[in-house]
Amino acid sequence: MKNIVLCCAAGMSTSMLVQRMKDAAQKKGIEVSIKAVPVAEFSENLDSADIILLGPQVKYEQSKLQALADPQGKKVAVIDMMDYGMMKGDAVLEKALKLLE
């Protein structure tokens, strides 16, 4: 099972997106664990995550966070602003799974 962690400023705005992603995964029969955390909790969630997706509002943190993830060979990617704004859980899930390939 893949572990996807979404990080945003406070972990609030991404929680609705997490639910949409879980719904999309269930419809497709994909077993994933998805959760939202504030960017301040990035380090505590790095070990358990297979991939970390950042909300567009914290994309300025990407290079710093990717440097922390690199030693573990993990990717930190920014969620597309349109997908995020429109809460397209299916599209965000697809992007995460493609990045894990």
N, C-alpha and C. Protein backbone atom coordinates (compact mmCIF):
# COMPACT_ATOMS: atom_id res chain seq x y z
N MET A 1 0.84 -1.18 0.00
CA MET A 1 0.00 0.00 0.00
C MET A 1 0.88 1.25 0.00
N LYS A 2 0.53 2.20 -0.85
CA LYS A 2 1.28 3.44 -0.96
C LYS A 2 0.79 4.45 0.08
N ASN A 3 1.72 5.21 0.62
CA ASN A 3 1.44 6.23 1.61
C ASN A 3 1.65 7.61 0.99
N ILE A 4 0.58 8.38 0.85
CA ILE A 4 0.66 9.70 0.25
C ILE A 4 0.38 10.72 1.35
N VAL A 5 1.27 11.70 1.49
CA VAL A 5 1.08 12.76 2.48
C VAL A 5 0.96 14.09 1.76
N LEU A 6 -0.09 14.83 2.10
CA LEU A 6 -0.29 16.17 1.55
C LEU A 6 0.09 17.17 2.63
N CYS A 7 0.88 18.16 2.26
CA CYS A 7 1.29 19.21 3.19
C CYS A 7 0.78 20.55 2.70
N CYS A 8 0.20 21.31 3.60
CA CYS A 8 -0.16 22.69 3.27
C CYS A 8 0.17 23.55 4.48
N ALA A 9 -0.23 24.79 4.44
CA ALA A 9 0.14 25.72 5.51
C ALA A 9 -0.29 25.19 6.88
N ALA A 10 -1.55 24.77 6.99
CA ALA A 10 -2.04 24.29 8.29
C ALA A 10 -2.61 22.88 8.25
N GLY A 11 -2.71 22.28 7.07
CA GLY A 11 -3.28 20.94 6.97
C GLY A 11 -4.79 20.95 6.85
N MET A 12 -5.39 22.13 6.82
CA MET A 12 -6.85 22.23 6.79
C MET A 12 -7.40 22.16 5.36
N SER A 13 -6.88 22.99 4.48
CA SER A 13 -7.45 23.05 3.13
C SER A 13 -7.24 21.75 2.38
N THR A 14 -6.20 21.01 2.70
CA THR A 14 -5.95 19.77 1.98
C THR A 14 -6.81 18.62 2.49
N SER A 15 -7.42 18.77 3.68
CA SER A 15 -8.19 17.63 4.20
C SER A 15 -9.40 17.30 3.33
N MET A 16 -10.01 18.30 2.71
CA MET A 16 -11.12 18.02 1.80
C MET A 16 -10.60 17.31 0.54
N LEU A 17 -9.44 17.73 0.08
CA LEU A 17 -8.84 17.10 -1.10
C LEU A 17 -8.47 15.64 -0.78
N VAL A 18 -7.99 15.39 0.43
CA VAL A 18 -7.67 14.02 0.85
C VAL A 18 -8.90 13.13 0.72
N GLN A 19 -10.05 13.62 1.18
CA GLN A 19 -11.27 12.83 1.09
C GLN A 19 -11.64 12.53 -0.36
N ARG A 20 -11.49 13.52 -1.23
CA ARG A 20 -11.78 13.31 -2.66
C ARG A 20 -10.80 12.30 -3.28
N MET A 21 -9.55 12.35 -2.85
CA MET A 21 -8.56 11.40 -3.35
C MET A 21 -8.88 9.99 -2.88
N LYS A 22 -9.29 9.86 -1.61
CA LYS A 22 -9.68 8.55 -1.07
C LYS A 22 -10.88 7.99 -1.82
N ASP A 23 -11.85 8.85 -2.12
CA ASP A 23 -13.03 8.41 -2.88
C ASP A 23 -12.62 7.92 -4.26
N ALA A 24 -11.73 8.66 -4.92
CA ALA A 24 -11.26 8.27 -6.26
C ALA A 24 -10.51 6.94 -6.21
N ALA A 25 -9.68 6.76 -5.18
CA ALA A 25 -8.93 5.51 -5.04
C ALA A 25 -9.86 4.33 -4.81
N GLN A 26 -10.88 4.55 -3.99
CA GLN A 26 -11.84 3.48 -3.71
C GLN A 26 -12.59 3.07 -4.97
N LYS A 27 -13.00 4.05 -5.77
CA LYS A 27 -13.71 3.75 -7.03
C LYS A 27 -12.85 2.93 -7.98
N LYS A 28 -11.53 3.19 -7.94
CA LYS A 28 -10.61 2.49 -8.85
C LYS A 28 -10.04 1.23 -8.23
N GLY A 29 -10.40 0.95 -6.98
CA GLY A 29 -9.90 -0.24 -6.31
C GLY A 29 -8.42 -0.16 -5.98
N ILE A 30 -7.93 1.05 -5.74
CA ILE A 30 -6.51 1.25 -5.41
C ILE A 30 -6.38 1.39 -3.90
N GLU A 31 -5.47 0.62 -3.31
CA GLU A 31 -5.26 0.71 -1.87
C GLU A 31 -4.16 1.72 -1.58
N VAL A 32 -4.54 2.84 -0.99
CA VAL A 32 -3.57 3.86 -0.61
C VAL A 32 -3.94 4.43 0.75
N SER A 33 -2.96 4.96 1.42
CA SER A 33 -3.17 5.70 2.65
C SER A 33 -2.86 7.15 2.32
N ILE A 34 -3.81 8.05 2.60
CA ILE A 34 -3.62 9.47 2.27
C ILE A 34 -3.98 10.29 3.50
N LYS A 35 -3.09 11.23 3.84
CA LYS A 35 -3.42 12.11 4.95
C LYS A 35 -2.87 13.50 4.70
N ALA A 36 -3.44 14.47 5.40
CA ALA A 36 -3.01 15.86 5.29
C ALA A 36 -2.36 16.30 6.59
N VAL A 37 -1.24 16.99 6.47
CA VAL A 37 -0.55 17.51 7.65
C VAL A 37 -0.06 18.93 7.34
N PRO A 38 0.13 19.72 8.41
CA PRO A 38 0.74 21.03 8.18
C PRO A 38 2.21 20.87 7.76
N VAL A 39 2.71 21.80 6.99
CA VAL A 39 4.08 21.71 6.50
C VAL A 39 5.07 21.66 7.68
N ALA A 40 4.69 22.18 8.81
CA ALA A 40 5.54 22.15 10.00
C ALA A 40 5.79 20.71 10.49
N GLU A 41 4.91 19.77 10.09
CA GLU A 41 5.05 18.37 10.50
C GLU A 41 5.66 17.49 9.41
N PHE A 42 6.28 18.12 8.42
CA PHE A 42 6.88 17.40 7.30
C PHE A 42 7.87 16.33 7.77
N SER A 43 8.80 16.74 8.61
CA SER A 43 9.86 15.82 9.05
C SER A 43 9.31 14.60 9.78
N GLU A 44 8.29 14.81 10.62
CA GLU A 44 7.70 13.69 11.37
C GLU A 44 6.99 12.69 10.45
N ASN A 45 6.57 13.14 9.27
CA ASN A 45 5.82 12.27 8.36
C ASN A 45 6.65 11.73 7.20
N LEU A 46 7.89 12.17 7.11
CA LEU A 46 8.74 11.77 5.98
C LEU A 46 9.01 10.27 5.95
N ASP A 47 9.32 9.67 7.09
CA ASP A 47 9.66 8.25 7.13
C ASP A 47 8.54 7.36 6.60
N SER A 48 7.30 7.68 6.95
CA SER A 48 6.17 6.82 6.58
C SER A 48 5.63 7.12 5.18
N ALA A 49 5.99 8.27 4.61
CA ALA A 49 5.44 8.67 3.31
C ALA A 49 6.20 8.03 2.16
N ASP A 50 5.47 7.65 1.11
CA ASP A 50 6.11 7.23 -0.14
C ASP A 50 6.32 8.45 -1.04
N ILE A 51 5.41 9.41 -0.93
CA ILE A 51 5.51 10.66 -1.69
C ILE A 51 4.83 11.75 -0.87
N ILE A 52 5.35 12.97 -1.00
CA ILE A 52 4.76 14.11 -0.30
C ILE A 52 4.32 15.11 -1.37
N LEU A 53 3.06 15.51 -1.28
CA LEU A 53 2.53 16.51 -2.20
C LEU A 53 2.30 17.80 -1.43
N LEU A 54 2.75 18.91 -2.00
CA LEU A 54 2.59 20.20 -1.35
C LEU A 54 1.43 20.98 -1.95
N GLY A 55 0.67 21.63 -1.10
CA GLY A 55 -0.35 22.54 -1.58
C GLY A 55 0.33 23.70 -2.29
N PRO A 56 -0.32 24.28 -3.31
CA PRO A 56 0.30 25.37 -4.08
C PRO A 56 0.73 26.55 -3.20
N GLN A 57 0.04 26.76 -2.08
CA GLN A 57 0.36 27.90 -1.22
C GLN A 57 1.69 27.74 -0.48
N VAL A 58 2.26 26.53 -0.47
CA VAL A 58 3.57 26.33 0.18
C VAL A 58 4.62 25.84 -0.81
N LYS A 59 4.40 26.09 -2.11
CA LYS A 59 5.36 25.59 -3.10
C LYS A 59 6.73 26.22 -2.93
N TYR A 60 6.82 27.38 -2.30
CA TYR A 60 8.11 28.02 -2.04
C TYR A 60 8.99 27.16 -1.12
N GLU A 61 8.38 26.19 -0.41
CA GLU A 61 9.11 25.30 0.50
C GLU A 61 9.68 24.07 -0.22
N GLN A 62 9.34 23.88 -1.49
CA GLN A 62 9.66 22.63 -2.18
C GLN A 62 11.15 22.29 -2.17
N SER A 63 12.01 23.23 -2.53
CA SER A 63 13.43 22.87 -2.63
C SER A 63 14.01 22.51 -1.27
N LYS A 64 13.61 23.21 -0.23
CA LYS A 64 14.10 22.91 1.12
C LYS A 64 13.61 21.52 1.56
N LEU A 65 12.33 21.23 1.32
CA LEU A 65 11.76 19.95 1.73
C LEU A 65 12.30 18.80 0.88
N GLN A 66 12.53 19.05 -0.41
CA GLN A 66 13.09 18.00 -1.28
C GLN A 66 14.49 17.64 -0.80
N ALA A 67 15.25 18.63 -0.33
CA ALA A 67 16.60 18.37 0.19
C ALA A 67 16.53 17.44 1.41
N LEU A 68 15.49 17.59 2.22
CA LEU A 68 15.31 16.70 3.38
C LEU A 68 14.89 15.30 2.95
N ALA A 69 14.14 15.21 1.85
CA ALA A 69 13.61 13.92 1.38
C ALA A 69 14.62 13.15 0.52
N ASP A 70 15.55 13.86 -0.11
CA ASP A 70 16.50 13.23 -1.02
C ASP A 70 17.28 12.06 -0.41
N PRO A 71 17.80 12.19 0.83
CA PRO A 71 18.56 11.06 1.39
C PRO A 71 17.74 9.76 1.47
N GLN A 72 16.41 9.89 1.54
CA GLN A 72 15.55 8.70 1.59
C GLN A 72 15.02 8.32 0.20
N GLY A 73 15.42 9.07 -0.80
CA GLY A 73 14.99 8.78 -2.17
C GLY A 73 13.51 9.02 -2.40
N LYS A 74 12.96 10.02 -1.71
CA LYS A 74 11.52 10.30 -1.83
C LYS A 74 11.29 11.61 -2.58
N LYS A 75 10.15 11.67 -3.27
CA LYS A 75 9.82 12.85 -4.06
C LYS A 75 8.90 13.79 -3.29
N VAL A 76 9.14 15.08 -3.52
CA VAL A 76 8.27 16.13 -3.01
C VAL A 76 7.78 16.88 -4.24
N ALA A 77 6.47 16.88 -4.47
CA ALA A 77 5.92 17.53 -5.66
C ALA A 77 4.83 18.52 -5.25
N VAL A 78 4.62 19.51 -6.09
CA VAL A 78 3.59 20.51 -5.83
C VAL A 78 2.32 20.12 -6.58
N ILE A 79 1.20 20.19 -5.88
CA ILE A 79 -0.10 19.89 -6.50
C ILE A 79 -0.44 21.00 -7.49
N ASP A 80 -0.90 20.62 -8.66
CA ASP A 80 -1.32 21.58 -9.67
C ASP A 80 -2.37 22.53 -9.09
N MET A 81 -2.18 23.83 -9.32
CA MET A 81 -3.06 24.82 -8.71
C MET A 81 -4.52 24.67 -9.15
N MET A 82 -4.74 24.33 -10.42
CA MET A 82 -6.12 24.16 -10.90
C MET A 82 -6.76 22.92 -10.27
N ASP A 83 -6.01 21.82 -10.20
CA ASP A 83 -6.53 20.59 -9.59
C ASP A 83 -6.84 20.84 -8.11
N TYR A 84 -5.96 21.59 -7.47
CA TYR A 84 -6.13 21.90 -6.05
C TYR A 84 -7.36 22.78 -5.83
N GLY A 85 -7.44 23.85 -6.61
CA GLY A 85 -8.54 24.79 -6.47
C GLY A 85 -9.90 24.17 -6.76
N MET A 86 -9.92 23.24 -7.71
CA MET A 86 -11.19 22.59 -8.08
C MET A 86 -11.40 21.29 -7.31
N MET A 87 -10.47 20.98 -6.37
CA MET A 87 -10.56 19.78 -5.54
C MET A 87 -10.71 18.51 -6.38
N LYS A 88 -9.90 18.41 -7.44
CA LYS A 88 -9.93 17.24 -8.32
C LYS A 88 -9.11 16.10 -7.71
N GLY A 89 -9.72 15.38 -6.79
CA GLY A 89 -9.04 14.30 -6.10
C GLY A 89 -8.52 13.23 -7.04
N ASP A 90 -9.28 12.93 -8.09
CA ASP A 90 -8.86 11.90 -9.03
C ASP A 90 -7.58 12.31 -9.76
N ALA A 91 -7.51 13.57 -10.19
CA ALA A 91 -6.33 14.04 -10.92
C ALA A 91 -5.10 14.09 -10.02
N VAL A 92 -5.28 14.52 -8.78
CA VAL A 92 -4.15 14.60 -7.85
C VAL A 92 -3.66 13.19 -7.51
N LEU A 93 -4.60 12.26 -7.33
CA LEU A 93 -4.23 10.87 -7.06
C LEU A 93 -3.43 10.30 -8.23
N GLU A 94 -3.90 10.53 -9.45
CA GLU A 94 -3.20 10.02 -10.64
C GLU A 94 -1.77 10.57 -10.70
N LYS A 95 -1.62 11.87 -10.44
CA LYS A 95 -0.28 12.47 -10.48
C LYS A 95 0.62 11.81 -9.44
N ALA A 96 0.11 11.62 -8.23
CA ALA A 96 0.91 11.01 -7.17
C ALA A 96 1.34 9.60 -7.57
N LEU A 97 0.42 8.81 -8.11
CA LEU A 97 0.74 7.43 -8.49
C LEU A 97 1.75 7.39 -9.64
N LYS A 98 1.64 8.33 -10.59
CA LYS A 98 2.59 8.39 -11.71
C LYS A 98 3.99 8.72 -11.18
N LEU A 99 4.06 9.63 -10.23
CA LEU A 99 5.37 10.02 -9.66
C LEU A 99 6.00 8.87 -8.89
N LEU A 100 5.20 7.93 -8.42
CA LEU A 100 5.71 6.79 -7.65
C LEU A 100 6.22 5.66 -8.54
N GLU A 101 5.88 5.71 -9.83
CA GLU A 101 6.28 4.63 -10.75
C GLU A 101 7.78 4.55 -10.93
